[in-house]
N, C-alpha and C. Protein backbone atom coordinates (compact mmCIF):
# COMPACT_ATOMS: atom_id res chain seq x y z
N MET A 1 -2.66 7.67 -27.30
CA MET A 1 -3.27 6.46 -26.70
C MET A 1 -4.79 6.76 -26.35
N ASN A 2 -5.61 5.87 -26.87
CA ASN A 2 -7.01 5.94 -26.51
C ASN A 2 -7.27 5.46 -25.08
N ASP A 3 -7.74 6.28 -24.23
CA ASP A 3 -7.80 6.03 -22.76
C ASP A 3 -8.91 4.88 -22.45
N ASN A 4 -9.74 4.66 -23.51
CA ASN A 4 -10.84 3.71 -23.33
C ASN A 4 -10.40 2.32 -23.85
N VAL A 5 -9.33 2.18 -24.53
CA VAL A 5 -8.89 0.94 -24.99
C VAL A 5 -7.43 0.67 -24.54
N LEU A 6 -7.26 -0.53 -24.12
CA LEU A 6 -5.92 -0.98 -23.63
C LEU A 6 -5.39 -2.11 -24.52
N ARG A 7 -4.25 -1.82 -25.03
CA ARG A 7 -3.66 -2.82 -26.10
C ARG A 7 -2.28 -3.25 -25.49
N LYS A 8 -1.94 -4.46 -25.85
CA LYS A 8 -0.66 -5.07 -25.30
C LYS A 8 0.51 -4.17 -25.70
N GLU A 9 0.52 -3.59 -26.87
CA GLU A 9 1.65 -2.72 -27.36
C GLU A 9 1.85 -1.47 -26.58
N TYR A 10 0.78 -1.14 -25.84
CA TYR A 10 0.80 0.08 -25.04
C TYR A 10 1.59 -0.20 -23.66
N LEU A 11 1.76 -1.47 -23.31
CA LEU A 11 2.19 -1.75 -21.98
C LEU A 11 3.71 -1.95 -21.87
N ASN A 12 4.24 -1.51 -20.80
CA ASN A 12 5.61 -1.71 -20.51
C ASN A 12 5.94 -3.15 -20.20
N GLU A 13 7.06 -3.74 -20.64
CA GLU A 13 7.48 -5.06 -20.32
C GLU A 13 7.58 -5.25 -18.78
N ASN A 14 7.92 -4.20 -18.09
CA ASN A 14 8.16 -4.27 -16.63
C ASN A 14 6.86 -3.74 -15.95
N PRO A 15 6.14 -4.61 -15.21
CA PRO A 15 4.85 -4.16 -14.68
C PRO A 15 5.09 -3.08 -13.57
N ILE A 16 6.20 -3.01 -12.86
CA ILE A 16 6.31 -1.98 -11.94
C ILE A 16 6.44 -0.63 -12.56
N LEU A 17 7.12 -0.56 -13.80
CA LEU A 17 7.16 0.71 -14.57
C LEU A 17 5.78 1.04 -15.07
N GLU A 18 4.99 -0.01 -15.55
CA GLU A 18 3.59 0.16 -15.94
C GLU A 18 2.80 0.72 -14.79
N MET A 19 3.05 0.20 -13.58
CA MET A 19 2.32 0.64 -12.37
C MET A 19 2.58 2.15 -12.12
N GLU A 20 3.80 2.57 -12.27
CA GLU A 20 4.17 3.97 -12.08
C GLU A 20 3.45 4.82 -13.08
N LYS A 21 3.36 4.38 -14.35
CA LYS A 21 2.59 5.10 -15.43
C LYS A 21 1.13 5.22 -15.08
N TRP A 22 0.49 4.18 -14.59
CA TRP A 22 -0.85 4.26 -14.24
C TRP A 22 -1.10 5.21 -13.10
N LEU A 23 -0.13 5.15 -12.11
CA LEU A 23 -0.30 6.01 -10.97
C LEU A 23 -0.17 7.46 -11.38
N HIS A 24 0.75 7.79 -12.25
CA HIS A 24 0.92 9.16 -12.78
C HIS A 24 -0.34 9.55 -13.44
N PHE A 25 -0.98 8.68 -14.22
CA PHE A 25 -2.25 8.96 -14.96
C PHE A 25 -3.37 9.27 -13.93
N ALA A 26 -3.34 8.53 -12.84
CA ALA A 26 -4.40 8.86 -11.89
C ALA A 26 -4.25 10.18 -11.22
N TYR A 27 -3.02 10.59 -10.96
CA TYR A 27 -2.67 11.88 -10.37
C TYR A 27 -3.08 12.91 -11.36
N GLU A 28 -2.75 12.80 -12.71
CA GLU A 28 -3.06 13.76 -13.68
C GLU A 28 -4.51 14.00 -13.86
N ASN A 29 -5.32 12.90 -13.52
CA ASN A 29 -6.77 13.02 -13.71
C ASN A 29 -7.51 13.34 -12.45
N SER A 30 -6.67 13.82 -11.41
CA SER A 30 -7.32 14.33 -10.21
C SER A 30 -7.98 13.26 -9.37
N VAL A 31 -7.57 11.99 -9.50
CA VAL A 31 -8.14 11.00 -8.61
C VAL A 31 -7.87 11.31 -7.15
N LYS A 32 -8.83 11.17 -6.29
CA LYS A 32 -8.59 11.48 -4.93
C LYS A 32 -7.85 10.36 -4.30
N PHE A 33 -6.75 10.58 -3.60
CA PHE A 33 -5.78 9.71 -3.02
C PHE A 33 -5.52 8.49 -3.88
N PRO A 34 -4.87 8.81 -5.05
CA PRO A 34 -4.48 7.67 -5.97
C PRO A 34 -3.55 6.62 -5.29
N ASN A 35 -2.78 7.08 -4.26
CA ASN A 35 -1.87 6.18 -3.72
C ASN A 35 -2.44 5.39 -2.51
N LEU A 36 -3.78 5.49 -2.28
CA LEU A 36 -4.46 4.75 -1.27
C LEU A 36 -4.66 3.29 -1.84
N MET A 37 -4.24 2.29 -1.07
CA MET A 37 -4.45 0.94 -1.55
C MET A 37 -5.01 0.00 -0.38
N CYS A 38 -5.67 -1.05 -0.84
CA CYS A 38 -6.21 -2.04 0.24
C CYS A 38 -5.20 -3.15 0.31
N LEU A 39 -4.68 -3.35 1.48
CA LEU A 39 -3.69 -4.36 1.80
C LEU A 39 -4.43 -5.62 2.40
N VAL A 40 -4.21 -6.77 1.78
CA VAL A 40 -4.73 -7.98 2.35
C VAL A 40 -3.65 -8.85 2.73
N THR A 41 -3.65 -9.33 4.00
CA THR A 41 -2.53 -10.24 4.46
C THR A 41 -3.00 -11.55 4.95
N ASP A 42 -2.20 -12.52 4.74
CA ASP A 42 -2.60 -13.85 5.24
C ASP A 42 -1.39 -14.33 6.10
N ILE A 43 -1.54 -14.26 7.49
CA ILE A 43 -0.56 -14.68 8.39
C ILE A 43 -1.09 -15.83 9.20
N ASP A 44 -0.41 -17.04 8.96
CA ASP A 44 -0.80 -18.21 9.67
C ASP A 44 -2.32 -18.49 9.54
N GLY A 45 -2.88 -18.24 8.33
CA GLY A 45 -4.33 -18.51 8.14
C GLY A 45 -5.21 -17.34 8.55
N LYS A 46 -4.73 -16.28 9.25
CA LYS A 46 -5.58 -15.23 9.64
C LYS A 46 -5.44 -14.16 8.55
N ILE A 47 -6.64 -13.94 7.86
CA ILE A 47 -6.62 -13.02 6.80
C ILE A 47 -7.31 -11.68 7.25
N THR A 48 -6.56 -10.55 7.02
CA THR A 48 -6.96 -9.30 7.47
C THR A 48 -6.81 -8.33 6.26
N SER A 49 -7.53 -7.24 6.35
CA SER A 49 -7.43 -6.19 5.25
C SER A 49 -7.44 -4.79 5.98
N ARG A 50 -6.69 -3.94 5.36
CA ARG A 50 -6.58 -2.56 5.82
C ARG A 50 -6.29 -1.60 4.77
N MET A 51 -6.59 -0.32 4.84
CA MET A 51 -6.24 0.70 3.89
C MET A 51 -4.94 1.34 4.26
N VAL A 52 -3.99 1.40 3.35
CA VAL A 52 -2.72 2.10 3.64
C VAL A 52 -2.31 2.91 2.46
N PHE A 53 -1.38 3.87 2.72
CA PHE A 53 -0.90 4.69 1.67
C PHE A 53 0.42 4.24 1.11
N LEU A 54 0.50 4.10 -0.18
CA LEU A 54 1.79 3.77 -0.90
C LEU A 54 2.64 4.91 -0.71
N LYS A 55 3.90 4.77 -0.25
CA LYS A 55 4.82 5.86 -0.01
C LYS A 55 5.94 5.88 -1.09
N ARG A 56 6.31 4.81 -1.63
CA ARG A 56 7.39 4.82 -2.58
C ARG A 56 7.41 3.59 -3.42
N ILE A 57 7.90 3.71 -4.73
CA ILE A 57 8.02 2.48 -5.61
C ILE A 57 9.52 2.49 -5.93
N ASN A 58 10.12 1.26 -5.87
CA ASN A 58 11.52 1.04 -6.34
C ASN A 58 11.53 -0.19 -7.21
N ASP A 59 12.77 -0.56 -7.63
CA ASP A 59 12.81 -1.70 -8.62
C ASP A 59 12.45 -3.04 -7.96
N LYS A 60 12.32 -3.10 -6.64
CA LYS A 60 11.96 -4.38 -5.96
C LYS A 60 10.44 -4.43 -5.70
N GLY A 61 9.78 -3.25 -5.64
CA GLY A 61 8.32 -3.30 -5.30
C GLY A 61 7.86 -2.01 -4.75
N PHE A 62 6.96 -2.15 -3.68
CA PHE A 62 6.19 -1.08 -3.18
C PHE A 62 6.50 -0.91 -1.59
N ILE A 63 6.67 0.35 -1.27
CA ILE A 63 7.07 0.54 0.19
C ILE A 63 5.95 1.33 0.85
N PHE A 64 5.51 1.02 2.02
CA PHE A 64 4.57 1.76 2.88
C PHE A 64 4.83 1.65 4.31
N PHE A 65 4.14 2.49 5.07
CA PHE A 65 4.29 2.40 6.56
C PHE A 65 3.00 1.92 7.10
N ASP A 66 3.03 1.15 8.19
CA ASP A 66 1.86 0.69 8.84
C ASP A 66 2.16 0.12 10.25
N SER A 67 1.18 -0.03 11.03
CA SER A 67 1.21 -0.66 12.34
C SER A 67 0.59 -2.05 12.26
N LEU A 68 1.27 -3.08 11.95
CA LEU A 68 0.71 -4.37 11.83
C LEU A 68 0.63 -5.08 13.16
N GLU A 69 -0.03 -6.23 13.12
CA GLU A 69 -0.09 -7.00 14.34
C GLU A 69 1.17 -7.50 14.86
N PRO A 70 1.32 -7.77 16.19
CA PRO A 70 2.56 -8.13 16.79
C PRO A 70 2.98 -9.55 16.23
N ASP A 71 2.05 -10.37 15.73
CA ASP A 71 2.38 -11.74 15.24
C ASP A 71 2.83 -11.63 13.82
N PHE A 72 3.01 -10.42 13.18
CA PHE A 72 3.55 -10.37 11.88
C PHE A 72 5.02 -10.78 11.85
N LYS A 73 5.41 -11.82 11.18
CA LYS A 73 6.75 -12.34 11.27
C LYS A 73 7.75 -11.57 10.30
N PRO A 74 8.97 -11.58 10.69
CA PRO A 74 9.88 -10.77 9.76
C PRO A 74 10.34 -11.65 8.66
N VAL A 75 9.49 -12.48 8.11
CA VAL A 75 9.77 -13.29 6.90
C VAL A 75 8.72 -12.87 5.83
N LYS A 76 8.91 -13.39 4.71
CA LYS A 76 7.97 -13.01 3.52
C LYS A 76 6.59 -13.69 3.74
N ASN A 77 5.55 -12.80 3.89
CA ASN A 77 4.25 -13.23 4.11
C ASN A 77 3.42 -13.03 2.81
N ASP A 78 2.52 -13.92 2.50
CA ASP A 78 1.69 -13.74 1.32
C ASP A 78 0.77 -12.56 1.61
N ALA A 79 0.60 -11.70 0.50
CA ALA A 79 -0.27 -10.51 0.53
C ALA A 79 -0.80 -10.09 -0.82
N ILE A 80 -1.81 -9.30 -0.75
CA ILE A 80 -2.38 -8.72 -1.98
C ILE A 80 -2.64 -7.30 -1.80
N ILE A 81 -2.40 -6.45 -2.83
CA ILE A 81 -2.76 -5.08 -2.75
C ILE A 81 -3.66 -4.72 -3.90
N ASN A 82 -4.71 -3.85 -3.67
CA ASN A 82 -5.54 -3.39 -4.71
C ASN A 82 -5.66 -1.89 -4.74
N PHE A 83 -5.57 -1.43 -6.04
CA PHE A 83 -5.81 0.04 -6.24
C PHE A 83 -7.18 0.13 -7.04
N ILE A 84 -8.12 0.85 -6.61
CA ILE A 84 -9.38 0.94 -7.26
C ILE A 84 -9.65 2.44 -7.63
N TRP A 85 -9.66 2.83 -8.80
CA TRP A 85 -9.84 4.17 -9.28
C TRP A 85 -11.07 4.25 -10.09
N ARG A 86 -12.20 4.49 -9.44
CA ARG A 86 -13.50 4.53 -10.14
C ARG A 86 -13.58 5.58 -11.21
N ASP A 87 -13.10 6.79 -10.76
CA ASP A 87 -13.12 7.98 -11.65
C ASP A 87 -12.60 7.82 -13.02
N ILE A 88 -11.62 7.00 -13.14
CA ILE A 88 -11.03 6.75 -14.38
C ILE A 88 -11.21 5.27 -14.91
N SER A 89 -11.99 4.51 -14.22
CA SER A 89 -12.38 3.14 -14.62
C SER A 89 -11.10 2.25 -14.72
N ARG A 90 -10.21 2.37 -13.76
CA ARG A 90 -9.08 1.57 -13.74
C ARG A 90 -8.89 0.83 -12.43
N ASN A 91 -8.35 -0.34 -12.40
CA ASN A 91 -8.08 -1.16 -11.27
C ASN A 91 -6.79 -1.91 -11.43
N ILE A 92 -6.06 -2.03 -10.41
CA ILE A 92 -4.90 -2.85 -10.39
C ILE A 92 -4.93 -3.83 -9.18
N CYS A 93 -4.74 -5.11 -9.39
CA CYS A 93 -4.64 -6.17 -8.28
C CYS A 93 -3.25 -6.77 -8.42
N ILE A 94 -2.57 -6.75 -7.32
CA ILE A 94 -1.13 -7.24 -7.22
C ILE A 94 -0.89 -8.25 -6.15
N GLU A 95 -0.40 -9.42 -6.48
CA GLU A 95 -0.09 -10.41 -5.50
C GLU A 95 1.44 -10.48 -5.23
N GLY A 96 1.83 -10.81 -4.14
CA GLY A 96 3.25 -10.92 -3.85
C GLY A 96 3.56 -11.28 -2.33
N LYS A 97 4.79 -10.97 -2.02
CA LYS A 97 5.25 -11.27 -0.70
C LYS A 97 5.53 -9.96 0.17
N LEU A 98 5.17 -9.87 1.36
CA LEU A 98 5.41 -8.79 2.18
C LEU A 98 6.37 -9.06 3.32
N MET A 99 7.30 -8.11 3.45
CA MET A 99 8.27 -8.32 4.52
C MET A 99 8.53 -6.94 5.17
N ARG A 100 8.93 -7.01 6.44
CA ARG A 100 9.22 -5.82 7.18
C ARG A 100 10.73 -5.56 7.00
N MET A 101 11.08 -4.24 6.80
CA MET A 101 12.37 -3.81 6.64
C MET A 101 13.18 -3.78 7.95
N GLU A 102 14.49 -3.68 7.86
CA GLU A 102 15.29 -3.63 9.08
C GLU A 102 15.01 -2.43 9.89
N ARG A 103 15.19 -2.58 11.24
CA ARG A 103 14.83 -1.59 12.18
C ARG A 103 15.55 -0.27 11.96
N ALA A 104 16.90 -0.41 11.53
CA ALA A 104 17.62 0.73 11.32
C ALA A 104 17.03 1.55 10.20
N ILE A 105 16.54 0.84 9.07
CA ILE A 105 15.92 1.59 8.00
C ILE A 105 14.70 2.29 8.47
N GLU A 106 13.89 1.57 9.33
CA GLU A 106 12.66 2.12 9.85
C GLU A 106 12.91 3.33 10.62
N GLU A 107 13.96 3.35 11.43
CA GLU A 107 14.26 4.54 12.19
C GLU A 107 14.57 5.75 11.35
N GLU A 108 15.34 5.49 10.19
CA GLU A 108 15.55 6.55 9.33
C GLU A 108 14.29 7.21 8.70
N HIS A 109 13.40 6.25 8.26
CA HIS A 109 12.11 6.74 7.75
C HIS A 109 11.35 7.47 8.79
N TYR A 110 11.30 6.98 10.07
CA TYR A 110 10.49 7.56 11.11
C TYR A 110 10.99 9.05 11.48
N GLN A 111 12.35 9.17 11.49
CA GLN A 111 12.89 10.46 11.86
C GLN A 111 12.53 11.57 10.87
N LEU A 112 12.17 11.14 9.61
CA LEU A 112 11.84 12.13 8.57
C LEU A 112 10.35 12.45 8.65
N LEU A 113 9.52 11.81 9.38
CA LEU A 113 8.12 12.21 9.50
C LEU A 113 7.96 13.41 10.35
N PRO A 114 6.88 14.25 9.96
CA PRO A 114 6.57 15.47 10.73
C PRO A 114 6.04 15.00 12.13
N LYS A 115 6.09 15.88 13.10
CA LYS A 115 5.72 15.47 14.45
C LYS A 115 4.25 15.07 14.55
N ASN A 116 3.38 15.77 13.78
CA ASN A 116 1.94 15.39 13.87
C ASN A 116 1.65 13.96 13.39
N LEU A 117 2.38 13.51 12.39
CA LEU A 117 2.24 12.04 12.00
C LEU A 117 2.88 11.11 13.08
N LYS A 118 3.99 11.47 13.67
CA LYS A 118 4.51 10.62 14.73
C LYS A 118 3.53 10.47 15.78
N LEU A 119 2.91 11.57 16.11
CA LEU A 119 1.86 11.59 17.28
C LEU A 119 0.69 10.61 16.81
N LYS A 120 0.33 10.73 15.59
CA LYS A 120 -0.85 9.92 15.21
C LYS A 120 -0.54 8.45 15.36
N TYR A 121 0.69 8.10 14.75
CA TYR A 121 1.11 6.62 14.88
C TYR A 121 1.27 6.18 16.29
N TYR A 122 1.81 7.02 17.18
CA TYR A 122 2.07 6.71 18.59
C TYR A 122 0.66 6.43 19.26
N VAL A 123 -0.29 7.23 18.99
CA VAL A 123 -1.63 7.05 19.55
C VAL A 123 -2.35 5.85 19.02
N MET A 124 -2.27 5.64 17.76
CA MET A 124 -2.84 4.53 17.05
C MET A 124 -2.21 3.20 17.47
N ASN A 125 -1.04 3.23 17.95
CA ASN A 125 -0.33 1.99 18.31
C ASN A 125 -0.99 1.38 19.59
N SER A 126 -1.67 2.23 20.35
CA SER A 126 -2.29 1.78 21.59
C SER A 126 -3.43 0.80 21.29
N LYS A 127 -3.58 -0.24 22.07
CA LYS A 127 -4.62 -1.22 21.87
C LYS A 127 -5.80 -0.95 22.79
N GLU A 128 -5.79 0.22 23.44
CA GLU A 128 -6.77 0.63 24.43
C GLU A 128 -8.07 0.83 23.66
N THR A 129 -9.21 0.35 24.23
CA THR A 129 -10.51 0.66 23.70
C THR A 129 -10.97 1.96 24.34
N VAL A 130 -11.82 2.76 23.61
CA VAL A 130 -12.33 3.93 24.13
C VAL A 130 -13.83 3.93 23.97
N GLU A 131 -14.49 4.68 24.92
CA GLU A 131 -15.91 4.60 25.00
C GLU A 131 -16.63 5.61 24.04
N SER A 132 -15.75 6.62 23.58
CA SER A 132 -16.27 7.61 22.72
C SER A 132 -15.21 8.37 21.94
N ARG A 133 -15.65 9.10 20.97
CA ARG A 133 -14.65 9.88 20.19
C ARG A 133 -14.12 11.02 21.03
N PRO A 134 -14.87 11.75 21.88
CA PRO A 134 -14.31 12.78 22.76
C PRO A 134 -13.07 12.25 23.58
N ARG A 135 -13.32 10.97 24.06
CA ARG A 135 -12.19 10.33 24.91
C ARG A 135 -11.00 10.04 24.00
N MET A 136 -11.13 9.67 22.78
CA MET A 136 -10.11 9.49 21.91
C MET A 136 -9.30 10.77 21.66
N LYS A 137 -10.01 11.83 21.46
CA LYS A 137 -9.43 13.13 21.28
C LYS A 137 -8.59 13.55 22.52
N GLU A 138 -9.23 13.26 23.65
CA GLU A 138 -8.62 13.54 24.89
C GLU A 138 -7.27 12.84 25.06
N ILE A 139 -7.25 11.65 24.59
CA ILE A 139 -5.99 10.78 24.73
C ILE A 139 -4.96 11.47 23.69
N TYR A 140 -5.43 11.83 22.68
CA TYR A 140 -4.54 12.46 21.63
C TYR A 140 -3.90 13.71 22.21
N LEU A 141 -4.71 14.59 22.84
CA LEU A 141 -4.25 15.82 23.46
C LEU A 141 -3.32 15.66 24.58
N GLU A 142 -3.62 14.60 25.37
CA GLU A 142 -2.74 14.24 26.54
C GLU A 142 -1.40 13.85 25.98
N THR A 143 -1.37 13.01 24.96
CA THR A 143 -0.12 12.55 24.34
C THR A 143 0.64 13.79 23.78
N GLU A 144 -0.09 14.61 23.06
CA GLU A 144 0.58 15.81 22.47
C GLU A 144 1.22 16.66 23.59
N GLU A 145 0.63 16.85 24.68
CA GLU A 145 1.11 17.66 25.75
C GLU A 145 2.35 16.87 26.40
N LYS A 146 2.26 15.65 26.57
CA LYS A 146 3.35 14.83 27.17
C LYS A 146 4.56 14.97 26.30
N PHE A 147 4.57 15.01 25.01
CA PHE A 147 5.73 15.07 24.16
C PHE A 147 5.90 16.46 23.52
N GLU A 148 5.38 17.46 24.18
CA GLU A 148 5.51 18.87 23.62
C GLU A 148 6.90 19.27 23.38
N TRP A 149 7.84 18.94 24.33
CA TRP A 149 9.20 19.28 24.15
C TRP A 149 10.13 18.16 24.00
N GLU A 150 9.55 16.97 23.64
CA GLU A 150 10.39 15.79 23.39
C GLU A 150 10.01 15.18 22.11
N ASP A 151 11.05 14.38 21.65
CA ASP A 151 10.78 13.63 20.37
C ASP A 151 9.92 12.44 20.80
N ILE A 152 8.90 12.15 19.85
CA ILE A 152 8.04 11.02 20.09
C ILE A 152 8.65 9.72 19.66
N PRO A 153 8.81 8.74 20.57
CA PRO A 153 9.44 7.45 20.27
C PRO A 153 8.76 6.68 19.23
N MET A 154 9.47 5.85 18.39
CA MET A 154 8.80 5.14 17.37
C MET A 154 8.18 3.96 18.03
N PRO A 155 6.78 3.77 17.80
CA PRO A 155 6.08 2.70 18.34
C PRO A 155 6.63 1.28 17.90
N GLU A 156 6.50 0.33 18.80
CA GLU A 156 7.09 -0.97 18.52
C GLU A 156 6.47 -1.66 17.32
N ASN A 157 5.10 -1.54 17.07
CA ASN A 157 4.46 -2.16 15.97
C ASN A 157 4.51 -1.41 14.65
N TRP A 158 5.02 -0.17 14.76
CA TRP A 158 5.07 0.62 13.53
C TRP A 158 6.22 0.22 12.74
N GLY A 159 6.00 0.12 11.42
CA GLY A 159 7.18 -0.33 10.60
C GLY A 159 7.12 0.13 9.20
N VAL A 160 8.13 -0.09 8.48
CA VAL A 160 8.25 0.13 7.08
C VAL A 160 8.28 -1.19 6.32
N TYR A 161 7.39 -1.38 5.34
CA TYR A 161 7.16 -2.71 4.75
C TYR A 161 7.39 -2.63 3.24
N LEU A 162 8.02 -3.67 2.75
CA LEU A 162 8.27 -3.86 1.33
C LEU A 162 7.44 -4.91 0.78
N PHE A 163 6.66 -4.62 -0.23
CA PHE A 163 5.84 -5.58 -0.94
C PHE A 163 6.49 -5.94 -2.23
N GLU A 164 6.91 -7.22 -2.46
CA GLU A 164 7.55 -7.61 -3.67
C GLU A 164 6.59 -8.37 -4.49
N PRO A 165 6.15 -7.88 -5.66
CA PRO A 165 5.12 -8.42 -6.45
C PRO A 165 5.63 -9.57 -7.31
N ASN A 166 4.66 -10.55 -7.60
CA ASN A 166 5.00 -11.59 -8.55
C ASN A 166 3.84 -11.83 -9.53
N TYR A 167 2.75 -11.10 -9.34
CA TYR A 167 1.65 -11.10 -10.22
C TYR A 167 0.83 -9.81 -10.19
N PHE A 168 0.49 -9.36 -11.48
CA PHE A 168 -0.20 -8.16 -11.64
C PHE A 168 -1.44 -8.38 -12.44
N GLU A 169 -2.54 -7.64 -12.23
CA GLU A 169 -3.73 -7.62 -13.09
C GLU A 169 -3.97 -6.06 -13.30
N PHE A 170 -3.89 -5.68 -14.57
CA PHE A 170 -4.22 -4.31 -14.96
C PHE A 170 -5.59 -4.35 -15.69
N ILE A 171 -6.59 -3.62 -15.11
CA ILE A 171 -7.83 -3.65 -15.70
C ILE A 171 -8.33 -2.18 -16.10
N ASN A 172 -8.66 -2.07 -17.28
CA ASN A 172 -9.05 -0.69 -17.75
C ASN A 172 -10.54 -0.83 -18.45
N GLY A 173 -11.45 -0.02 -17.89
CA GLY A 173 -12.80 -0.09 -18.40
C GLY A 173 -13.87 -0.41 -17.31
N ASN A 174 -15.06 -0.28 -17.72
CA ASN A 174 -16.11 -0.55 -16.73
C ASN A 174 -16.30 -2.02 -16.50
N LEU A 175 -16.20 -2.39 -15.22
CA LEU A 175 -16.39 -3.86 -14.78
C LEU A 175 -17.64 -4.37 -15.12
N LEU A 176 -18.71 -3.61 -15.27
CA LEU A 176 -20.08 -4.15 -15.60
C LEU A 176 -20.15 -4.44 -17.06
N GLU A 177 -19.12 -4.07 -17.90
CA GLU A 177 -19.22 -4.28 -19.28
C GLU A 177 -18.15 -5.30 -19.63
N LEU A 178 -17.32 -5.02 -20.66
CA LEU A 178 -16.24 -5.96 -20.97
C LEU A 178 -14.88 -5.20 -21.04
N PRO A 179 -14.28 -4.98 -19.86
CA PRO A 179 -13.04 -4.20 -19.76
C PRO A 179 -11.82 -4.97 -20.31
N ASP A 180 -10.80 -4.23 -20.61
CA ASP A 180 -9.51 -4.88 -21.05
C ASP A 180 -8.80 -5.23 -19.75
N LYS A 181 -8.17 -6.47 -19.76
CA LYS A 181 -7.47 -6.91 -18.61
C LYS A 181 -6.18 -7.67 -19.12
N PHE A 182 -5.15 -7.23 -18.58
CA PHE A 182 -3.84 -7.84 -18.82
C PHE A 182 -3.08 -8.24 -17.50
N ILE A 183 -2.56 -9.44 -17.67
CA ILE A 183 -1.90 -9.98 -16.43
C ILE A 183 -0.37 -10.15 -16.72
N TYR A 184 0.37 -9.84 -15.64
CA TYR A 184 1.89 -10.14 -15.72
C TYR A 184 2.06 -11.26 -14.70
N ARG A 185 2.83 -12.24 -15.07
CA ARG A 185 3.18 -13.26 -14.23
C ARG A 185 4.68 -13.48 -14.14
N LYS A 186 5.30 -13.57 -12.93
CA LYS A 186 6.75 -13.71 -12.92
C LYS A 186 7.18 -15.19 -12.69
N GLU A 187 8.00 -15.60 -13.65
CA GLU A 187 8.52 -17.07 -13.59
C GLU A 187 9.95 -17.01 -13.79
N ASN A 188 10.68 -17.59 -12.83
CA ASN A 188 12.14 -17.66 -12.87
C ASN A 188 12.77 -16.33 -13.08
N GLY A 189 12.16 -15.36 -12.46
CA GLY A 189 12.78 -13.92 -12.56
C GLY A 189 12.37 -13.22 -13.84
N VAL A 190 11.53 -13.70 -14.70
CA VAL A 190 11.17 -13.14 -15.94
C VAL A 190 9.69 -12.78 -15.90
N TRP A 191 9.29 -11.60 -16.32
CA TRP A 191 7.84 -11.19 -16.35
C TRP A 191 7.27 -11.67 -17.72
N TYR A 192 6.14 -12.27 -17.69
CA TYR A 192 5.31 -12.60 -18.87
C TYR A 192 4.03 -11.91 -18.92
N LEU A 193 3.66 -11.39 -19.94
CA LEU A 193 2.47 -10.57 -20.17
C LEU A 193 1.49 -11.21 -21.15
N ALA A 194 0.15 -11.17 -20.76
CA ALA A 194 -0.77 -11.68 -21.58
C ALA A 194 -2.08 -11.01 -21.31
N ARG A 195 -2.96 -11.09 -22.41
CA ARG A 195 -4.37 -10.51 -22.24
C ARG A 195 -5.12 -11.63 -21.52
N SER A 196 -6.17 -11.22 -20.73
CA SER A 196 -7.05 -12.19 -20.04
C SER A 196 -8.45 -11.79 -20.15
N ILE A 197 -9.30 -12.82 -20.09
CA ILE A 197 -10.73 -12.48 -20.00
C ILE A 197 -11.15 -12.60 -18.55
N LEU A 198 -11.96 -11.59 -18.12
CA LEU A 198 -12.37 -11.61 -16.67
C LEU A 198 -13.22 -12.79 -16.33
């Protein structure tokens, strides 16, 4: 396969499998943090974006951990995720529905985390404002000392989220020129693939 040319016959009929292939290619080519993605959510008209790490891909979609706002409802919310890999001139934009997984499943995932990550999530869950970075480090160390001999409880706003896609854009090439772009659109449970002009 010519890495500079993207043809329809190269692509998998299932965009989730194609996504796995592109992610593997990014890892092979030493892209820094290839699983880092920009998550954009629209909750009751409030649009926010944040950077999160993709943790897993399954047949339903993409799983990640995050501390979302308290008003995030346990229903399917509109969302978009973007992967931008400049080093290999590839981008993926995905639209879909975002939902929080059951608390029991979140507890299972949380218990598997190393203690330093639990500590980070616990501190980040605080809405307290700080006047300086030294104060932030001080809070971190105080929390670390507090839970030195105890398990760190799972923060209320920390959760495991499933993003179920219904639309993909795979873009290969320099965006300043004329890159190849293919879109997958899901209709009545079936994925349709087509070439698109940017």
